[in-house]
Amino acid sequence: AIKSAYMAQVQFSMWVTGRDAWYFANYDPRMKREGIHHVVVEHDDNYMSLFNEMVPEFIEKMDEALKEIGFTFGEQWR
């Protein structure tokens, strides 16, 4: 298992890449015997549904906020 603090990050990585599982590794030098902890995390349909709903909403709000200050996302790469 992994800490709940990392779960959303791991699930989002799967959402972005379209993967069904993610190899999560965590290193802690204080853990002399194990050192690195790794686990395979399976994709969670609940997280995927939340991302499907929330990411487009976030992008829309971000675009509106940027428009208010006269900026369009992507212009920085032109």
PDB file of N, CA and C in Angstrom:
ATOM      1  N   ALA A   1       0.844  -1.188   0.000  1.00  0.00           N
ATOM      2  CA  ALA A   1       0.000   0.000   0.000  1.00  0.00           C
ATOM      3  C   ALA A   1       0.885   1.246   0.000  1.00  0.00           C
ATOM      4  N   ILE A   2       0.308   2.348  -0.435  1.00  0.00           N
ATOM      5  CA  ILE A   2       1.035   3.616  -0.415  1.00  0.00           C
ATOM      6  C   ILE A   2       0.260   4.611   0.432  1.00  0.00           C
ATOM      7  N   LYS A   3       0.959   5.659   0.861  1.00  0.00           N
ATOM      8  CA  LYS A   3       0.307   6.697   1.656  1.00  0.00           C
ATOM      9  C   LYS A   3      -0.781   7.358   0.824  1.00  0.00           C
ATOM     10  N   SER A   4      -1.863   7.702   1.480  1.00  0.00           N
ATOM     11  CA  SER A   4      -2.976   8.338   0.773  1.00  0.00           C
ATOM     12  C   SER A   4      -2.541   9.652   0.118  1.00  0.00           C
ATOM     13  N   ALA A   5      -1.515  10.289   0.676  1.00  0.00           N
ATOM     14  CA  ALA A   5      -1.023  11.548   0.108  1.00  0.00           C
ATOM     15  C   ALA A   5      -0.495  11.364  -1.316  1.00  0.00           C
ATOM     16  N   TYR A   6      -0.059  10.147  -1.666  1.00  0.00           N
ATOM     17  CA  TYR A   6       0.477   9.882  -2.998  1.00  0.00           C
ATOM     18  C   TYR A   6      -0.560   9.304  -3.967  1.00  0.00           C
ATOM     19  N   MET A   7      -1.664   8.825  -3.448  1.00  0.00           N
ATOM     20  CA  MET A   7      -2.615   8.086  -4.282  1.00  0.00           C
ATOM     21  C   MET A   7      -3.195   8.941  -5.413  1.00  0.00           C
ATOM     22  N   ALA A   8      -3.609  10.168  -5.123  1.00  0.00           N
ATOM     23  CA  ALA A   8      -4.171  11.010  -6.183  1.00  0.00           C
ATOM     24  C   ALA A   8      -3.138  11.273  -7.272  1.00  0.00           C
ATOM     25  N   GLN A   9      -1.883  11.479  -6.880  1.00  0.00           N
ATOM     26  CA  GLN A   9      -0.820  11.721  -7.849  1.00  0.00           C
ATOM     27  C   GLN A   9      -0.624  10.499  -8.748  1.00  0.00           C
ATOM     28  N   VAL A  10      -0.592   9.332  -8.155  1.00  0.00           N
ATOM     29  CA  VAL A  10      -0.406   8.098  -8.918  1.00  0.00           C
ATOM     30  C   VAL A  10      -1.606   7.857  -9.839  1.00  0.00           C
ATOM     31  N   GLN A  11      -2.804   8.052  -9.319  1.00  0.00           N
ATOM     32  CA  GLN A  11      -4.002   7.854 -10.128  1.00  0.00           C
ATOM     33  C   GLN A  11      -4.057   8.868 -11.277  1.00  0.00           C
ATOM     34  N   PHE A  12      -3.661  10.115 -11.015  1.00  0.00           N
ATOM     35  CA  PHE A  12      -3.654  11.126 -12.071  1.00  0.00           C
ATOM     36  C   PHE A  12      -2.641  10.756 -13.158  1.00  0.00           C
ATOM     37  N   SER A  13      -1.508  10.220 -12.760  1.00  0.00           N
ATOM     38  CA  SER A  13      -0.513   9.778 -13.742  1.00  0.00           C
ATOM     39  C   SER A  13      -1.105   8.709 -14.661  1.00  0.00           C
ATOM     40  N   MET A  14      -1.891   7.813 -14.093  1.00  0.00           N
ATOM     41  CA  MET A  14      -2.555   6.785 -14.913  1.00  0.00           C
ATOM     42  C   MET A  14      -3.611   7.407 -15.812  1.00  0.00           C
ATOM     43  N   TRP A  15      -4.326   8.405 -15.295  1.00  0.00           N
ATOM     44  CA  TRP A  15      -5.353   9.074 -16.096  1.00  0.00           C
ATOM     45  C   TRP A  15      -4.720   9.750 -17.307  1.00  0.00           C
ATOM     46  N   VAL A  16      -3.598  10.450 -17.081  1.00  0.00           N
ATOM     47  CA  VAL A  16      -2.920  11.169 -18.158  1.00  0.00           C
ATOM     48  C   VAL A  16      -2.372  10.209 -19.211  1.00  0.00           C
ATOM     49  N   THR A  17      -1.776   9.117 -18.760  1.00  0.00           N
ATOM     50  CA  THR A  17      -1.107   8.203 -19.682  1.00  0.00           C
ATOM     51  C   THR A  17      -2.001   7.099 -20.217  1.00  0.00           C
ATOM     52  N   GLY A  18      -3.179   6.919 -19.605  1.00  0.00           N
ATOM     53  CA  GLY A  18      -4.073   5.855 -20.040  1.00  0.00           C
ATOM     54  C   GLY A  18      -3.670   4.474 -19.565  1.00  0.00           C
ATOM     55  N   ARG A  19      -2.773   4.387 -18.593  1.00  0.00           N
ATOM     56  CA  ARG A  19      -2.316   3.098 -18.072  1.00  0.00           C
ATOM     57  C   ARG A  19      -3.326   2.508 -17.100  1.00  0.00           C
ATOM     58  N   ASP A  20      -3.285   1.190 -16.967  1.00  0.00           N
ATOM     59  CA  ASP A  20      -4.162   0.498 -16.030  1.00  0.00           C
ATOM     60  C   ASP A  20      -3.488   0.227 -14.696  1.00  0.00           C
ATOM     61  N   ALA A  21      -2.167   0.364 -14.652  1.00  0.00           N
ATOM     62  CA  ALA A  21      -1.416   0.153 -13.414  1.00  0.00           C
ATOM     63  C   ALA A  21      -0.205   1.072 -13.424  1.00  0.00           C
ATOM     64  N   TRP A  22       0.325   1.341 -12.233  1.00  0.00           N
ATOM     65  CA  TRP A  22       1.461   2.251 -12.100  1.00  0.00           C
ATOM     66  C   TRP A  22       2.425   1.681 -11.071  1.00  0.00           C
ATOM     67  N   TYR A  23       3.687   1.681 -11.397  1.00  0.00           N
ATOM     68  CA  TYR A  23       4.707   1.246 -10.456  1.00  0.00           C
ATOM     69  C   TYR A  23       5.116   2.439  -9.612  1.00  0.00           C
ATOM     70  N   PHE A  24       4.813   2.364  -8.338  1.00  0.00           N
ATOM     71  CA  PHE A  24       5.146   3.437  -7.410  1.00  0.00           C
ATOM     72  C   PHE A  24       6.344   2.995  -6.578  1.00  0.00           C
ATOM     73  N   ALA A  25       7.350   3.839  -6.489  1.00  0.00           N
ATOM     74  CA  ALA A  25       8.527   3.553  -5.665  1.00  0.00           C
ATOM     75  C   ALA A  25       8.800   4.749  -4.768  1.00  0.00           C
ATOM     76  N   ASN A  26       9.212   4.458  -3.568  1.00  0.00           N
ATOM     77  CA  ASN A  26       9.507   5.496  -2.597  1.00  0.00           C
ATOM     78  C   ASN A  26      10.785   5.106  -1.862  1.00  0.00           C
ATOM     79  N   TYR A  27      11.749   6.008  -1.853  1.00  0.00           N
ATOM     80  CA  TYR A  27      13.020   5.744  -1.190  1.00  0.00           C
ATOM     81  C   TYR A  27      13.122   6.560   0.085  1.00  0.00           C
ATOM     82  N   ASP A  28      13.564   5.910   1.135  1.00  0.00           N
ATOM     83  CA  ASP A  28      13.805   6.591   2.409  1.00  0.00           C
ATOM     84  C   ASP A  28      15.128   6.061   2.965  1.00  0.00           C
ATOM     85  N   PRO A  29      16.164   6.891   2.991  1.00  0.00           N
ATOM     86  CA  PRO A  29      17.468   6.419   3.450  1.00  0.00           C
ATOM     87  C   PRO A  29      17.480   5.991   4.918  1.00  0.00           C
ATOM     88  N   ARG A  30      16.466   6.384   5.665  1.00  0.00           N
ATOM     89  CA  ARG A  30      16.395   5.964   7.068  1.00  0.00           C
ATOM     90  C   ARG A  30      16.023   4.495   7.205  1.00  0.00           C
ATOM     91  N   MET A  31      15.455   3.926   6.146  1.00  0.00           N
ATOM     92  CA  MET A  31      15.047   2.515   6.164  1.00  0.00           C
ATOM     93  C   MET A  31      16.237   1.673   5.696  1.00  0.00           C
ATOM     94  N   LYS A  32      17.124   1.327   6.608  1.00  0.00           N
ATOM     95  CA  LYS A  32      18.375   0.660   6.258  1.00  0.00           C
ATOM     96  C   LYS A  32      18.155  -0.703   5.603  1.00  0.00           C
ATOM     97  N   ARG A  33      17.188  -1.465   6.074  1.00  0.00           N
ATOM     98  CA  ARG A  33      17.006  -2.817   5.558  1.00  0.00           C
ATOM     99  C   ARG A  33      16.322  -2.834   4.204  1.00  0.00           C
ATOM    100  N   GLU A  34      15.322  -1.997   4.041  1.00  0.00           N
ATOM    101  CA  GLU A  34      14.562  -2.020   2.793  1.00  0.00           C
ATOM    102  C   GLU A  34      14.970  -0.895   1.850  1.00  0.00           C
ATOM    103  N   GLY A  35      15.219   0.275   2.372  1.00  0.00           N
ATOM    104  CA  GLY A  35      15.642   1.405   1.554  1.00  0.00           C
ATOM    105  C   GLY A  35      14.583   1.910   0.599  1.00  0.00           C
ATOM    106  N   ILE A  36      14.265   1.080  -0.382  1.00  0.00           N
ATOM    107  CA  ILE A  36      13.272   1.489  -1.375  1.00  0.00           C
ATOM    108  C   ILE A  36      12.036   0.598  -1.245  1.00  0.00           C
ATOM    109  N   HIS A  37      10.915   1.241  -1.267  1.00  0.00           N
ATOM    110  CA  HIS A  37       9.626   0.542  -1.186  1.00  0.00           C
ATOM    111  C   HIS A  37       8.956   0.695  -2.545  1.00  0.00           C
ATOM    112  N   HIS A  38       8.486  -0.393  -3.116  1.00  0.00           N
ATOM    113  CA  HIS A  38       7.779  -0.291  -4.389  1.00  0.00           C
ATOM    114  C   HIS A  38       6.537  -1.169  -4.367  1.00  0.00           C
ATOM    115  N   VAL A  39       5.550  -0.720  -5.119  1.00  0.00           N
ATOM    116  CA  VAL A  39       4.275  -1.418  -5.173  1.00  0.00           C
ATOM    117  C   VAL A  39       3.607  -1.091  -6.508  1.00  0.00           C
ATOM    118  N   VAL A  40       2.823  -2.022  -7.007  1.00  0.00           N
ATOM    119  CA  VAL A  40       2.036  -1.782  -8.213  1.00  0.00           C
ATOM    120  C   VAL A  40       0.654  -1.321  -7.767  1.00  0.00           C
ATOM    121  N   VAL A  41       0.236  -0.172  -8.279  1.00  0.00           N
ATOM    122  CA  VAL A  41      -1.073   0.399  -7.937  1.00  0.00           C
ATOM    123  C   VAL A  41      -1.980   0.231  -9.147  1.00  0.00           C
ATOM    124  N   GLU A  42      -3.134  -0.347  -8.929  1.00  0.00           N
ATOM    125  CA  GLU A  42      -4.117  -0.519  -9.999  1.00  0.00           C
ATOM    126  C   GLU A  42      -4.956   0.738 -10.140  1.00  0.00           C
ATOM    127  N   HIS A  43      -5.418   0.967 -11.339  1.00  0.00           N
ATOM    128  CA  HIS A  43      -6.235   2.167 -11.577  1.00  0.00           C
ATOM    129  C   HIS A  43      -7.577   2.021 -10.866  1.00  0.00           C
ATOM    130  N   ASP A  44      -8.079   3.148 -10.396  1.00  0.00           N
ATOM    131  CA  ASP A  44      -9.310   3.199  -9.612  1.00  0.00           C
ATOM    132  C   ASP A  44     -10.358   3.964 -10.418  1.00  0.00           C
ATOM    133  N   ASP A  45     -11.454   3.291 -10.740  1.00  0.00           N
ATOM    134  CA  ASP A  45     -12.503   3.914 -11.556  1.00  0.00           C
ATOM    135  C   ASP A  45     -13.075   5.179 -10.922  1.00  0.00           C
ATOM    136  N   ASN A  46     -13.127   5.227  -9.595  1.00  0.00           N
ATOM    137  CA  ASN A  46     -13.652   6.423  -8.921  1.00  0.00           C
ATOM    138  C   ASN A  46     -12.765   7.628  -9.187  1.00  0.00           C
ATOM    139  N   TYR A  47     -11.461   7.442  -9.077  1.00  0.00           N
ATOM    140  CA  TYR A  47     -10.538   8.543  -9.386  1.00  0.00           C
ATOM    141  C   TYR A  47     -10.677   8.965 -10.840  1.00  0.00           C
ATOM    142  N   MET A  48     -10.748   7.980 -11.749  1.00  0.00           N
ATOM    143  CA  MET A  48     -10.831   8.296 -13.177  1.00  0.00           C
ATOM    144  C   MET A  48     -12.087   9.120 -13.483  1.00  0.00           C
ATOM    145  N   SER A  49     -13.193   8.765 -12.856  1.00  0.00           N
ATOM    146  CA  SER A  49     -14.437   9.527 -13.051  1.00  0.00           C
ATOM    147  C   SER A  49     -14.297  10.947 -12.533  1.00  0.00           C
ATOM    148  N   LEU A  50     -13.653  11.086 -11.368  1.00  0.00           N
ATOM    149  CA  LEU A  50     -13.438  12.427 -10.816  1.00  0.00           C
ATOM    150  C   LEU A  50     -12.563  13.268 -11.737  1.00  0.00           C
ATOM    151  N   PHE A  51     -11.496  12.685 -12.252  1.00  0.00           N
ATOM    152  CA  PHE A  51     -10.622  13.435 -13.160  1.00  0.00           C
ATOM    153  C   PHE A  51     -11.350  13.799 -14.447  1.00  0.00           C
ATOM    154  N   ASN A  52     -12.144  12.877 -14.966  1.00  0.00           N
ATOM    155  CA  ASN A  52     -12.908  13.154 -16.194  1.00  0.00           C
ATOM    156  C   ASN A  52     -13.831  14.351 -16.018  1.00  0.00           C
ATOM    157  N   GLU A  53     -14.337  14.506 -14.815  1.00  0.00           N
ATOM    158  CA  GLU A  53     -15.250  15.614 -14.514  1.00  0.00           C
ATOM    159  C   GLU A  53     -14.496  16.894 -14.140  1.00  0.00           C
ATOM    160  N   MET A  54     -13.501  16.753 -13.270  1.00  0.00           N
ATOM    161  CA  MET A  54     -12.875  17.926 -12.676  1.00  0.00           C
ATOM    162  C   MET A  54     -11.817  18.598 -13.554  1.00  0.00           C
ATOM    163  N   VAL A  55     -11.074  17.841 -14.333  1.00  0.00           N
ATOM    164  CA  VAL A  55     -10.007  18.443 -15.136  1.00  0.00           C
ATOM    165  C   VAL A  55     -10.564  19.416 -16.180  1.00  0.00           C
ATOM    166  N   PRO A  56     -11.586  19.026 -16.950  1.00  0.00           N
ATOM    167  CA  PRO A  56     -12.142  20.009 -17.898  1.00  0.00           C
ATOM    168  C   PRO A  56     -12.702  21.258 -17.205  1.00  0.00           C
ATOM    169  N   GLU A  57     -13.311  21.079 -16.034  1.00  0.00           N
ATOM    170  CA  GLU A  57     -13.805  22.233 -15.280  1.00  0.00           C
ATOM    171  C   GLU A  57     -12.651  23.140 -14.870  1.00  0.00           C
ATOM    172  N   PHE A  58     -11.557  22.543 -14.413  1.00  0.00           N
ATOM    173  CA  PHE A  58     -10.384  23.330 -14.020  1.00  0.00           C
ATOM    174  C   PHE A  58      -9.824  24.097 -15.212  1.00  0.00           C
ATOM    175  N   ILE A  59      -9.694  23.424 -16.342  1.00  0.00           N
ATOM    176  CA  ILE A  59      -9.142  24.071 -17.537  1.00  0.00           C
ATOM    177  C   ILE A  59     -10.015  25.250 -17.959  1.00  0.00           C
ATOM    178  N   GLU A  60     -11.323  25.066 -17.895  1.00  0.00           N
ATOM    179  CA  GLU A  60     -12.241  26.155 -18.259  1.00  0.00           C
ATOM    180  C   GLU A  60     -12.061  27.348 -17.325  1.00  0.00           C
ATOM    181  N   LYS A  61     -11.983  27.089 -16.018  1.00  0.00           N
ATOM    182  CA  LYS A  61     -11.794  28.174 -15.050  1.00  0.00           C
ATOM    183  C   LYS A  61     -10.426  28.840 -15.213  1.00  0.00           C
ATOM    184  N   MET A  62      -9.409  28.042 -15.498  1.00  0.00           N
ATOM    185  CA  MET A  62      -8.072  28.593 -15.713  1.00  0.00           C
ATOM    186  C   MET A  62      -8.058  29.497 -16.937  1.00  0.00           C
ATOM    187  N   ASP A  63      -8.686  29.042 -18.020  1.00  0.00           N
ATOM    188  CA  ASP A  63      -8.745  29.867 -19.231  1.00  0.00           C
ATOM    189  C   ASP A  63      -9.474  31.184 -18.977  1.00  0.00           C
ATOM    190  N   GLU A  64     -10.568  31.144 -18.207  1.00  0.00           N
ATOM    191  CA  GLU A  64     -11.303  32.363 -17.874  1.00  0.00           C
ATOM    192  C   GLU A  64     -10.440  33.318 -17.053  1.00  0.00           C
ATOM    193  N   ALA A  65      -9.719  32.781 -16.071  1.00  0.00           N
ATOM    194  CA  ALA A  65      -8.869  33.622 -15.222  1.00  0.00           C
ATOM    195  C   ALA A  65      -7.733  34.233 -16.038  1.00  0.00           C
ATOM    196  N   LEU A  66      -7.148  33.458 -16.939  1.00  0.00           N
ATOM    197  CA  LEU A  66      -6.071  33.980 -17.781  1.00  0.00           C
ATOM    198  C   LEU A  66      -6.586  35.053 -18.730  1.00  0.00           C
ATOM    199  N   LYS A  67      -7.795  34.847 -19.238  1.00  0.00           N
ATOM    200  CA  LYS A  67      -8.380  35.831 -20.151  1.00  0.00           C
ATOM    201  C   LYS A  67      -8.566  37.172 -19.452  1.00  0.00           C
ATOM    202  N   GLU A  68      -8.932  37.132 -18.173  1.00  0.00           N
ATOM    203  CA  GLU A  68      -9.120  38.371 -17.405  1.00  0.00           C
ATOM    204  C   GLU A  68      -7.843  39.194 -17.313  1.00  0.00           C
ATOM    205  N   ILE A  69      -6.693  38.540 -17.384  1.00  0.00           N
ATOM    206  CA  ILE A  69      -5.431  39.287 -17.315  1.00  0.00           C
ATOM    207  C   ILE A  69      -4.779  39.415 -18.695  1.00  0.00           C
ATOM    208  N   GLY A  70      -5.561  39.101 -19.729  1.00  0.00           N
ATOM    209  CA  GLY A  70      -5.095  39.303 -21.096  1.00  0.00           C
ATOM    210  C   GLY A  70      -4.114  38.266 -21.601  1.00  0.00           C
ATOM    211  N   PHE A  71      -4.256  37.055 -21.128  1.00  0.00           N
ATOM    212  CA  PHE A  71      -3.317  36.004 -21.494  1.00  0.00           C
ATOM    213  C   PHE A  71      -4.083  34.789 -22.004  1.00  0.00           C
ATOM    214  N   THR A  72      -3.529  34.124 -22.984  1.00  0.00           N
ATOM    215  CA  THR A  72      -4.096  32.869 -23.482  1.00  0.00           C
ATOM    216  C   THR A  72      -3.061  31.779 -23.275  1.00  0.00           C
ATOM    217  N   PHE A  73      -3.470  30.699 -22.635  1.00  0.00           N
ATOM    218  CA  PHE A  73      -2.538  29.596 -22.386  1.00  0.00           C
ATOM    219  C   PHE A  73      -1.947  29.103 -23.700  1.00  0.00           C
ATOM    220  N   GLY A  74      -0.657  28.908 -23.703  1.00  0.00           N
ATOM    221  CA  GLY A  74       0.039  28.454 -24.899  1.00  0.00           C
ATOM    222  C   GLY A  74       0.816  29.557 -25.585  1.00  0.00           C
ATOM    223  N   GLU A  75       0.443  30.813 -25.328  1.00  0.00           N
ATOM    224  CA  GLU A  75       1.147  31.944 -25.948  1.00  0.00           C
ATOM    225  C   GLU A  75       2.622  31.997 -25.543  1.00  0.00           C
ATOM    226  N   GLN A  76       2.932  31.468 -24.383  1.00  0.00           N
ATOM    227  CA  GLN A  76       4.314  31.540 -23.909  1.00  0.00           C
ATOM    228  C   GLN A  76       5.260  30.701 -24.766  1.00  0.00           C
ATOM    229  N   TRP A  77       4.740  29.809 -25.610  1.00  0.00           N
ATOM    230  CA  TRP A  77       5.591  28.973 -26.449  1.00  0.00           C
ATOM    231  C   TRP A  77       5.668  29.478 -27.887  1.00  0.00           C
ATOM    232  N   ARG A  78       5.076  30.592 -28.172  1.00  0.00           N
ATOM    233  CA  ARG A  78       5.112  31.127 -29.542  1.00  0.00           C
ATOM    234  C   ARG A  78       6.316  31.999 -29.747  1.00  0.00           C
TER     235      ARG A  78
END
